[in-house]
N, C-alpha and C. Protein backbone atom coordinates (compact mmCIF):
# COMPACT_ATOMS: atom_id res chain seq x y z
N MET A 1 0.74 -1.25 -56.26
CA MET A 1 0.81 -1.69 -54.59
C MET A 1 1.21 -0.46 -53.94
N ASN A 2 2.17 0.57 -54.58
CA ASN A 2 2.93 1.36 -53.74
C ASN A 2 1.87 2.43 -53.15
N ASP A 3 0.70 2.81 -54.51
CA ASP A 3 -0.26 3.96 -54.05
C ASP A 3 -1.47 3.03 -53.00
N LYS A 4 -1.41 1.97 -52.99
CA LYS A 4 -2.43 1.31 -51.89
C LYS A 4 -1.77 1.34 -50.57
N ALA A 5 -0.13 1.18 -50.52
CA ALA A 5 0.23 1.24 -49.07
C ALA A 5 0.13 2.74 -48.46
N ASN A 6 0.21 3.98 -49.67
CA ASN A 6 0.20 5.33 -49.45
C ASN A 6 -1.25 5.43 -49.05
N ARG A 7 -2.22 4.71 -49.57
CA ARG A 7 -3.57 5.09 -49.03
C ARG A 7 -3.75 4.66 -47.59
N SER A 8 -2.90 3.26 -47.32
CA SER A 8 -3.27 2.78 -46.14
C SER A 8 -2.50 3.49 -44.75
N ASP A 9 -1.49 4.18 -45.25
CA ASP A 9 -0.72 5.12 -44.43
C ASP A 9 -1.33 6.28 -44.30
N ASP A 10 -1.94 6.80 -45.30
CA ASP A 10 -2.85 8.26 -44.95
C ASP A 10 -3.60 8.19 -44.12
N TYR A 11 -4.67 6.80 -44.26
CA TYR A 11 -5.48 6.49 -43.36
C TYR A 11 -5.15 6.12 -42.07
N PHE A 12 -4.19 5.70 -41.55
CA PHE A 12 -3.67 5.15 -40.69
C PHE A 12 -3.25 6.78 -39.53
N ALA A 13 -2.83 7.33 -40.44
CA ALA A 13 -2.50 8.71 -39.93
C ALA A 13 -3.61 9.60 -39.67
N TYR A 14 -4.62 9.52 -40.53
CA TYR A 14 -6.01 9.77 -40.10
C TYR A 14 -6.46 9.26 -38.80
N GLN A 15 -6.27 7.96 -38.71
CA GLN A 15 -7.02 7.36 -37.44
C GLN A 15 -6.21 7.96 -36.40
N VAL A 16 -5.04 8.38 -36.16
CA VAL A 16 -4.05 8.63 -35.32
C VAL A 16 -4.87 10.04 -35.16
N ARG A 17 -5.24 10.85 -36.07
CA ARG A 17 -5.20 12.12 -35.21
C ARG A 17 -6.60 12.27 -35.00
N ARG A 18 -7.16 11.48 -35.50
CA ARG A 18 -8.94 11.39 -34.82
C ARG A 18 -9.13 10.89 -33.88
N PHE A 19 -8.01 9.73 -33.35
CA PHE A 19 -8.06 9.18 -32.01
C PHE A 19 -7.66 10.46 -31.00
N GLN A 20 -6.69 11.06 -31.44
CA GLN A 20 -5.92 11.99 -30.59
C GLN A 20 -7.02 12.99 -30.07
N THR A 21 -7.76 13.53 -31.16
CA THR A 21 -8.72 14.43 -30.97
C THR A 21 -9.87 13.77 -30.08
N LEU A 22 -10.62 12.74 -30.54
CA LEU A 22 -11.47 12.04 -29.43
C LEU A 22 -11.23 12.17 -28.19
N MET A 23 -9.66 11.32 -27.68
CA MET A 23 -9.35 11.32 -26.50
C MET A 23 -8.96 12.64 -25.91
N GLU A 24 -8.82 13.90 -26.50
CA GLU A 24 -8.61 15.02 -25.94
C GLU A 24 -10.27 15.37 -25.72
N GLU A 25 -11.26 15.43 -26.64
CA GLU A 25 -12.48 15.56 -26.00
C GLU A 25 -13.17 15.01 -24.81
N VAL A 26 -12.81 13.61 -24.61
CA VAL A 26 -13.09 12.88 -23.82
C VAL A 26 -12.47 13.36 -22.23
N VAL A 27 -11.28 13.91 -22.27
CA VAL A 27 -10.12 14.19 -21.27
C VAL A 27 -10.84 15.47 -20.87
N GLN A 28 -11.36 16.41 -22.22
CA GLN A 28 -12.31 17.28 -21.44
C GLN A 28 -13.33 17.44 -20.82
N CYS A 29 -14.50 16.55 -21.50
CA CYS A 29 -15.44 16.09 -20.62
C CYS A 29 -15.40 15.87 -19.35
N CYS A 30 -14.11 15.16 -18.96
CA CYS A 30 -14.27 14.44 -17.89
C CYS A 30 -13.63 15.64 -16.78
N GLU A 31 -12.67 16.74 -17.42
CA GLU A 31 -12.39 17.61 -16.46
C GLU A 31 -13.63 18.60 -16.28
N THR A 32 -14.34 19.07 -17.22
CA THR A 32 -15.60 19.42 -16.97
C THR A 32 -16.50 19.01 -15.85
N ARG A 33 -16.66 17.67 -16.10
CA ARG A 33 -17.45 16.98 -14.86
C ARG A 33 -16.96 17.25 -13.78
N ALA A 34 -15.32 17.03 -13.77
CA ALA A 34 -14.71 16.92 -12.20
C ALA A 34 -14.82 18.46 -11.75
N ALA A 35 -14.81 19.68 -12.49
CA ALA A 35 -15.22 20.90 -12.37
C ALA A 35 -16.45 21.13 -11.48
N HIS A 36 -17.54 20.35 -12.06
CA HIS A 36 -19.16 20.66 -11.69
C HIS A 36 -19.05 19.66 -10.42
N LEU A 37 -18.24 18.69 -10.22
CA LEU A 37 -18.41 17.86 -9.20
C LEU A 37 -18.00 19.12 -8.06
N SER A 38 -16.82 19.43 -8.08
CA SER A 38 -16.20 20.29 -7.17
C SER A 38 -17.39 21.33 -6.78
N LYS A 39 -17.62 22.14 -7.69
CA LYS A 39 -18.69 23.16 -7.41
C LYS A 39 -19.68 22.86 -6.83
N LYS A 40 -20.41 21.70 -7.30
CA LYS A 40 -21.57 21.10 -6.58
C LYS A 40 -21.60 20.31 -5.32
N PHE A 41 -20.41 19.86 -5.01
CA PHE A 41 -20.30 19.28 -3.76
C PHE A 41 -19.53 20.44 -2.55
N ARG A 42 -19.01 21.51 -3.05
CA ARG A 42 -18.08 22.40 -2.45
C ARG A 42 -16.72 21.75 -2.06
N LEU A 43 -16.24 21.35 -2.76
CA LEU A 43 -15.09 20.86 -2.65
C LEU A 43 -13.57 20.95 -3.55
N PRO A 44 -12.62 21.04 -3.42
CA PRO A 44 -11.68 21.30 -4.24
C PRO A 44 -11.80 19.88 -4.65
N ASP A 45 -11.22 19.99 -6.24
CA ASP A 45 -10.80 18.69 -6.90
C ASP A 45 -10.16 17.58 -5.95
N ALA A 46 -9.18 17.99 -5.59
CA ALA A 46 -8.02 17.02 -4.92
C ALA A 46 -8.66 16.67 -3.75
N GLU A 47 -9.61 17.36 -2.95
CA GLU A 47 -9.95 16.85 -1.71
C GLU A 47 -11.09 15.81 -1.90
N LEU A 48 -11.93 16.34 -3.55
CA LEU A 48 -12.88 15.50 -3.95
C LEU A 48 -12.39 14.03 -3.94
N ARG A 49 -11.44 14.11 -4.71
CA ARG A 49 -10.49 12.60 -5.06
C ARG A 49 -10.26 11.87 -4.08
N CYS A 50 -9.79 12.62 -3.15
CA CYS A 50 -9.21 11.93 -1.84
C CYS A 50 -10.28 11.38 -1.31
N LEU A 51 -11.37 11.69 -1.16
CA LEU A 51 -12.65 11.55 -0.30
C LEU A 51 -12.92 10.29 -0.92
N MET A 52 -12.96 10.52 -2.45
CA MET A 52 -13.50 9.12 -2.95
C MET A 52 -12.76 7.76 -2.88
N LEU A 53 -11.31 7.79 -2.31
CA LEU A 53 -10.50 6.67 -2.24
C LEU A 53 -11.02 6.05 -1.32
N PHE A 54 -11.73 6.54 -0.34
CA PHE A 54 -12.20 5.84 0.71
C PHE A 54 -13.48 5.02 0.73
N ARG A 55 -14.23 4.97 -0.86
CA ARG A 55 -15.25 4.08 -0.97
C ARG A 55 -14.76 2.54 -0.78
N ASP A 56 -13.41 2.19 -0.98
CA ASP A 56 -13.09 0.94 -0.83
C ASP A 56 -12.06 0.47 0.13
N ASP A 57 -11.79 1.55 1.03
CA ASP A 57 -11.11 1.44 2.04
C ASP A 57 -11.63 2.30 3.12
N LYS A 58 -11.46 1.54 4.40
CA LYS A 58 -11.96 2.08 5.69
C LYS A 58 -10.92 3.28 6.39
N TYR A 59 -9.59 2.61 6.42
CA TYR A 59 -8.35 3.57 6.67
C TYR A 59 -7.47 3.51 5.55
N LEU A 60 -6.74 4.99 5.51
CA LEU A 60 -5.53 4.89 4.53
C LEU A 60 -4.76 5.78 5.42
N THR A 61 -3.28 5.57 4.98
CA THR A 61 -2.45 6.49 5.36
C THR A 61 -2.00 7.53 4.52
N VAL A 62 -1.22 8.39 4.87
CA VAL A 62 -0.65 9.58 4.06
C VAL A 62 0.00 9.07 3.14
N LYS A 63 1.07 8.33 3.10
CA LYS A 63 1.62 7.32 2.19
C LYS A 63 0.81 6.75 1.30
N GLY A 64 0.03 5.99 1.59
CA GLY A 64 -1.15 5.18 0.75
C GLY A 64 -1.77 6.19 -0.40
N ILE A 65 -2.21 7.23 0.33
CA ILE A 65 -3.20 8.29 -0.29
C ILE A 65 -2.25 8.91 -1.21
N ALA A 66 -0.96 8.96 -1.18
CA ALA A 66 -0.18 9.90 -2.02
C ALA A 66 0.51 8.81 -3.08
N LEU A 67 0.35 7.62 -2.78
CA LEU A 67 0.53 6.57 -3.82
C LEU A 67 -0.77 6.49 -4.84
N LYS A 68 -1.87 6.69 -4.27
CA LYS A 68 -3.22 6.35 -5.38
C LYS A 68 -3.34 7.63 -5.90
N MET A 69 -2.98 8.74 -5.21
CA MET A 69 -3.25 10.11 -6.01
C MET A 69 -1.89 10.30 -6.95
N ASP A 70 -0.94 9.81 -6.90
CA ASP A 70 0.27 10.11 -7.31
C ASP A 70 0.52 11.43 -7.25
N VAL A 71 0.65 11.85 -6.14
CA VAL A 71 1.18 12.92 -5.45
C VAL A 71 2.08 12.93 -4.30
N ALA A 72 2.86 13.87 -4.04
CA ALA A 72 3.68 13.96 -3.01
C ALA A 72 2.93 13.99 -1.45
N LYS A 73 3.72 13.19 -0.60
CA LYS A 73 3.00 13.45 0.79
C LYS A 73 2.54 14.94 1.19
N SER A 74 3.76 15.45 1.03
CA SER A 74 3.23 16.91 1.72
C SER A 74 2.36 17.61 1.06
N ARG A 75 1.61 17.11 -0.28
CA ARG A 75 0.61 17.88 -0.92
C ARG A 75 -0.77 16.86 -0.39
N VAL A 76 -0.50 15.65 0.05
CA VAL A 76 -1.52 14.96 0.71
C VAL A 76 -1.78 15.44 2.18
N THR A 77 -0.72 15.91 2.67
CA THR A 77 -0.98 16.54 4.31
C THR A 77 -1.82 17.98 4.11
N LYS A 78 -1.60 18.71 3.00
CA LYS A 78 -2.74 19.77 2.72
C LYS A 78 -3.90 19.58 2.32
N ILE A 79 -4.10 18.30 1.65
CA ILE A 79 -5.22 18.07 1.19
C ILE A 79 -6.24 17.17 2.38
N ILE A 80 -5.56 16.57 3.56
CA ILE A 80 -6.13 16.01 4.66
C ILE A 80 -6.76 17.32 5.66
N ALA A 81 -5.80 18.16 5.64
CA ALA A 81 -5.84 19.23 6.36
C ALA A 81 -7.12 20.03 6.10
N GLY A 82 -7.64 20.24 5.11
CA GLY A 82 -9.16 20.70 4.40
C GLY A 82 -10.02 19.63 4.76
N LEU A 83 -9.95 18.45 4.50
CA LEU A 83 -10.52 17.45 4.77
C LEU A 83 -10.99 17.37 6.35
N LEU A 84 -10.00 17.77 7.01
CA LEU A 84 -9.99 17.65 8.31
C LEU A 84 -11.04 18.87 9.06
N GLU A 85 -10.40 20.06 8.27
CA GLU A 85 -10.89 21.30 9.18
C GLU A 85 -12.62 21.21 8.27
N LYS A 86 -13.03 20.69 7.30
CA LYS A 86 -14.53 20.56 6.98
C LYS A 86 -15.34 19.20 8.02
N GLY A 87 -14.52 18.56 8.70
CA GLY A 87 -15.22 17.52 9.51
C GLY A 87 -15.33 16.09 8.60
N LEU A 88 -14.76 16.13 7.46
CA LEU A 88 -15.28 14.85 6.70
C LEU A 88 -14.25 13.41 6.85
N VAL A 89 -12.84 13.95 7.58
CA VAL A 89 -12.00 12.56 7.98
C VAL A 89 -11.80 12.79 9.19
N ALA A 90 -11.16 11.90 9.69
CA ALA A 90 -10.14 12.12 11.35
C ALA A 90 -9.04 11.28 11.10
N ARG A 91 -8.24 11.85 11.84
CA ARG A 91 -6.89 11.14 12.02
C ARG A 91 -6.77 10.27 13.45
N ILE A 92 -6.72 9.20 13.30
CA ILE A 92 -6.27 8.13 14.41
C ILE A 92 -5.09 7.65 14.34
N ASP A 93 -4.60 6.98 15.70
CA ASP A 93 -3.24 6.41 15.78
C ASP A 93 -3.38 4.99 15.44
N ASP A 94 -2.44 4.46 14.48
CA ASP A 94 -2.63 3.06 14.09
C ASP A 94 -2.34 1.97 15.14
N PRO A 95 -3.20 1.02 15.76
CA PRO A 95 -3.08 0.38 16.75
C PRO A 95 -1.66 -0.39 16.71
N ALA A 96 -1.53 -0.82 15.59
CA ALA A 96 0.03 -1.82 15.35
C ALA A 96 1.07 -0.75 15.39
N ASP A 97 1.00 0.17 14.99
CA ASP A 97 2.34 1.32 15.10
C ASP A 97 2.00 2.61 15.54
N GLY A 98 1.98 3.09 16.28
CA GLY A 98 1.83 4.66 17.39
C GLY A 98 2.49 5.64 16.42
N ARG A 99 3.28 5.20 15.84
CA ARG A 99 3.86 6.17 14.88
C ARG A 99 3.37 6.89 13.60
N ILE A 100 2.38 5.67 13.07
CA ILE A 100 1.57 5.96 11.85
C ILE A 100 0.01 6.67 12.22
N LYS A 101 -0.28 7.51 11.56
CA LYS A 101 -1.55 7.77 11.73
C LYS A 101 -2.26 7.35 10.14
N LEU A 102 -3.48 7.12 10.65
CA LEU A 102 -4.74 6.43 9.95
C LEU A 102 -5.46 7.57 9.84
N ILE A 103 -5.81 7.78 8.46
CA ILE A 103 -6.99 8.70 7.89
C ILE A 103 -8.30 7.79 7.95
N SER A 104 -9.55 8.48 8.24
CA SER A 104 -10.80 7.52 8.14
C SER A 104 -11.66 8.74 7.87
N LEU A 105 -13.12 8.16 7.12
CA LEU A 105 -14.00 9.12 7.06
C LEU A 105 -14.81 9.00 8.21
N THR A 106 -15.00 10.35 8.52
CA THR A 106 -16.47 10.75 9.60
C THR A 106 -17.67 10.21 9.15
N PRO A 107 -18.56 9.99 10.01
CA PRO A 107 -20.15 9.78 9.47
C PRO A 107 -20.36 10.82 8.17
N LYS A 108 -20.12 12.29 8.48
CA LYS A 108 -20.21 13.25 7.54
C LYS A 108 -19.67 12.97 6.59
N GLY A 109 -18.54 12.55 6.45
CA GLY A 109 -17.53 12.48 5.19
C GLY A 109 -18.30 11.00 4.50
N ARG A 110 -18.38 10.11 5.20
CA ARG A 110 -18.98 8.87 4.67
C ARG A 110 -20.17 9.14 4.03
N ALA A 111 -21.11 9.97 4.46
CA ALA A 111 -22.55 10.45 4.03
C ALA A 111 -22.28 11.28 2.58
N MET A 112 -20.71 12.34 2.83
CA MET A 112 -20.76 12.71 1.43
C MET A 112 -20.21 11.98 0.33
N CYS A 113 -19.14 10.73 0.80
CA CYS A 113 -18.91 9.94 -0.14
C CYS A 113 -20.01 9.22 -0.90
N ASP A 114 -20.95 8.79 -0.22
CA ASP A 114 -22.01 8.18 -0.69
C ASP A 114 -22.51 9.13 -1.71
N GLU A 115 -23.04 10.17 -1.23
CA GLU A 115 -23.70 10.99 -2.19
C GLU A 115 -22.90 11.22 -3.39
N ILE A 116 -21.77 11.60 -3.37
CA ILE A 116 -21.12 11.75 -4.48
C ILE A 116 -21.13 10.78 -5.43
N ALA A 117 -20.99 9.19 -4.69
CA ALA A 117 -20.80 7.98 -5.73
C ALA A 117 -22.20 7.97 -6.33
N ALA A 118 -23.43 8.46 -5.68
CA ALA A 118 -24.69 8.01 -6.28
C ALA A 118 -24.95 8.95 -7.31
N PHE A 119 -24.19 10.34 -7.00
CA PHE A 119 -24.23 11.25 -8.37
C PHE A 119 -23.44 10.72 -9.42
N ILE A 120 -22.47 10.35 -9.21
CA ILE A 120 -21.37 9.98 -10.53
C ILE A 120 -22.38 8.50 -11.04
N ALA A 121 -22.76 7.59 -10.07
CA ALA A 121 -23.23 6.29 -10.77
C ALA A 121 -24.90 6.87 -11.70
N THR A 122 -25.47 8.07 -11.03
CA THR A 122 -26.60 8.73 -12.05
C THR A 122 -26.10 9.05 -13.26
N LEU A 123 -24.84 9.81 -13.25
CA LEU A 123 -24.64 10.57 -14.29
C LEU A 123 -24.04 9.26 -15.47
N HIS A 124 -23.56 8.30 -14.94
CA HIS A 124 -23.07 7.18 -16.24
C HIS A 124 -24.06 6.66 -16.69
N GLU A 125 -25.29 6.33 -15.58
CA GLU A 125 -26.41 5.92 -16.25
C GLU A 125 -26.89 6.53 -17.30
N MET A 126 -27.18 7.80 -17.03
CA MET A 126 -27.51 8.86 -18.35
C MET A 126 -26.86 8.69 -19.37
N ILE A 127 -25.39 8.54 -19.30
CA ILE A 127 -24.82 8.57 -20.34
C ILE A 127 -25.04 7.17 -21.44
N LEU A 128 -25.07 6.12 -20.46
CA LEU A 128 -25.59 4.74 -21.13
C LEU A 128 -27.00 4.82 -21.93
N GLN A 129 -27.60 5.52 -21.03
CA GLN A 129 -28.98 5.81 -21.84
C GLN A 129 -29.24 6.33 -23.03
N GLU A 130 -28.17 7.04 -23.64
CA GLU A 130 -28.00 7.80 -24.38
C GLU A 130 -27.83 6.66 -26.07
N LEU A 131 -27.22 5.63 -25.37
CA LEU A 131 -27.05 4.36 -26.56
C LEU A 131 -28.15 3.23 -26.53
N ASP A 132 -28.24 2.75 -27.79
CA ASP A 132 -29.21 1.76 -27.57
C ASP A 132 -28.15 0.49 -27.02
N PRO A 133 -28.91 -0.70 -26.48
CA PRO A 133 -28.35 -1.62 -25.58
C PRO A 133 -26.96 -2.35 -26.80
N GLU A 134 -27.25 -2.69 -27.99
CA GLU A 134 -26.07 -3.37 -28.72
C GLU A 134 -24.78 -2.04 -28.76
N ASP A 135 -25.31 -0.68 -28.69
CA ASP A 135 -23.88 0.15 -28.64
C ASP A 135 -23.41 -0.04 -27.22
N ARG A 136 -24.43 0.14 -26.39
CA ARG A 136 -23.59 -0.08 -25.12
C ARG A 136 -22.66 -1.19 -24.98
N LYS A 137 -23.25 -2.08 -25.41
CA LYS A 137 -22.08 -3.38 -25.23
C LYS A 137 -20.84 -3.50 -26.00
N GLN A 138 -20.80 -2.70 -27.24
CA GLN A 138 -19.67 -2.40 -28.07
C GLN A 138 -18.94 -1.40 -27.41
N VAL A 139 -19.26 -0.30 -26.87
CA VAL A 139 -18.87 0.55 -26.09
C VAL A 139 -17.94 0.25 -24.99
N LEU A 140 -18.61 -0.81 -24.41
CA LEU A 140 -17.99 -1.11 -22.94
C LEU A 140 -16.68 -2.14 -23.66
N MET A 141 -16.90 -3.14 -24.73
CA MET A 141 -16.03 -4.02 -24.95
C MET A 141 -14.89 -3.21 -25.56
N VAL A 142 -14.98 -2.04 -26.31
CA VAL A 142 -13.80 -1.12 -27.15
C VAL A 142 -13.29 -0.47 -25.95
N LEU A 143 -14.08 -0.12 -24.97
CA LEU A 143 -13.33 0.73 -23.86
C LEU A 143 -12.14 -0.06 -23.10
N GLU A 144 -12.85 -1.55 -22.84
CA GLU A 144 -11.73 -2.22 -22.12
C GLU A 144 -10.75 -2.72 -22.92
N ARG A 145 -10.86 -2.81 -24.08
CA ARG A 145 -9.72 -2.91 -25.44
C ARG A 145 -8.75 -1.83 -25.02
N LEU A 146 -9.60 -1.02 -25.25
CA LEU A 146 -8.28 0.77 -25.11
C LEU A 146 -7.93 0.59 -23.90
N ARG A 147 -8.47 0.47 -22.68
CA ARG A 147 -7.65 0.47 -21.65
C ARG A 147 -6.57 -0.64 -21.28
N ALA A 148 -6.65 -1.89 -22.30
CA ALA A 148 -5.38 -2.87 -22.16
C ALA A 148 -4.38 -2.14 -23.21
N SER A 149 -4.82 -1.63 -24.40
CA SER A 149 -3.87 -1.49 -25.31
C SER A 149 -2.82 0.05 -24.16
N MET A 150 -3.76 0.97 -23.59
CA MET A 150 -3.32 1.78 -22.69
C MET A 150 -2.23 1.44 -21.87
N GLU A 151 -2.65 0.38 -21.22
CA GLU A 151 -1.68 -0.44 -20.22
C GLU A 151 -0.79 -0.84 -20.79
N ALA A 152 -0.52 -1.55 -21.74
CA ALA A 152 0.50 -2.18 -22.45
C ALA A 152 1.44 -1.22 -22.81
N VAL A 153 1.05 0.09 -23.73
CA VAL A 153 1.97 0.70 -24.19
C VAL A 153 2.67 1.88 -22.70
N LYS A 154 1.63 1.81 -21.68
CA LYS A 154 2.44 2.46 -20.75
C LYS A 154 3.61 1.59 -19.95
N GLN A 155 3.27 0.29 -20.26
CA GLN A 155 4.57 -0.94 -19.68
C GLN A 155 5.58 -0.59 -20.33
N ARG A 156 5.50 -0.47 -21.48
CA ARG A 156 6.69 -0.30 -22.64
C ARG A 156 7.26 1.23 -22.53
N MET A 157 6.61 1.98 -22.61
CA MET A 157 7.24 3.46 -22.40
C MET A 157 7.63 4.18 -21.25
N PHE A 158 6.93 3.82 -20.09
CA PHE A 158 7.26 4.17 -18.57
C PHE A 158 7.73 3.02 -17.80
């Protein structure tokens, strides 16, 4: 009985190591993709990520961007300055509160955001096309469970 438990513990330890390795490889792949996107679209990663926040929101505040990007407002101010300089965003007064500045995409910024989103969608399509339909279904199901597990652990740990 003890031998069976030891084998089970050994196998679980193997699974933990394998999971860690795979997660590190996925993160590395995502970081490589982010670097490629930055180079392709000639935007620093932080500016690119900030720009993509506007896919779902017409206007954002510096505070809202800071929360979504999980960075300090001072960092967002620098990111926005870079996007303003490139003509990708505009700063306007909030009609409800003149003390607050709203950030929105310019037409040039909207076009770039759409181009980046289309490129990312094509990339994801290509990845999924590498899998047969049943594998795609399984991958998506397992990723959803993994995300839920990660959120549950995050709630307990942080």
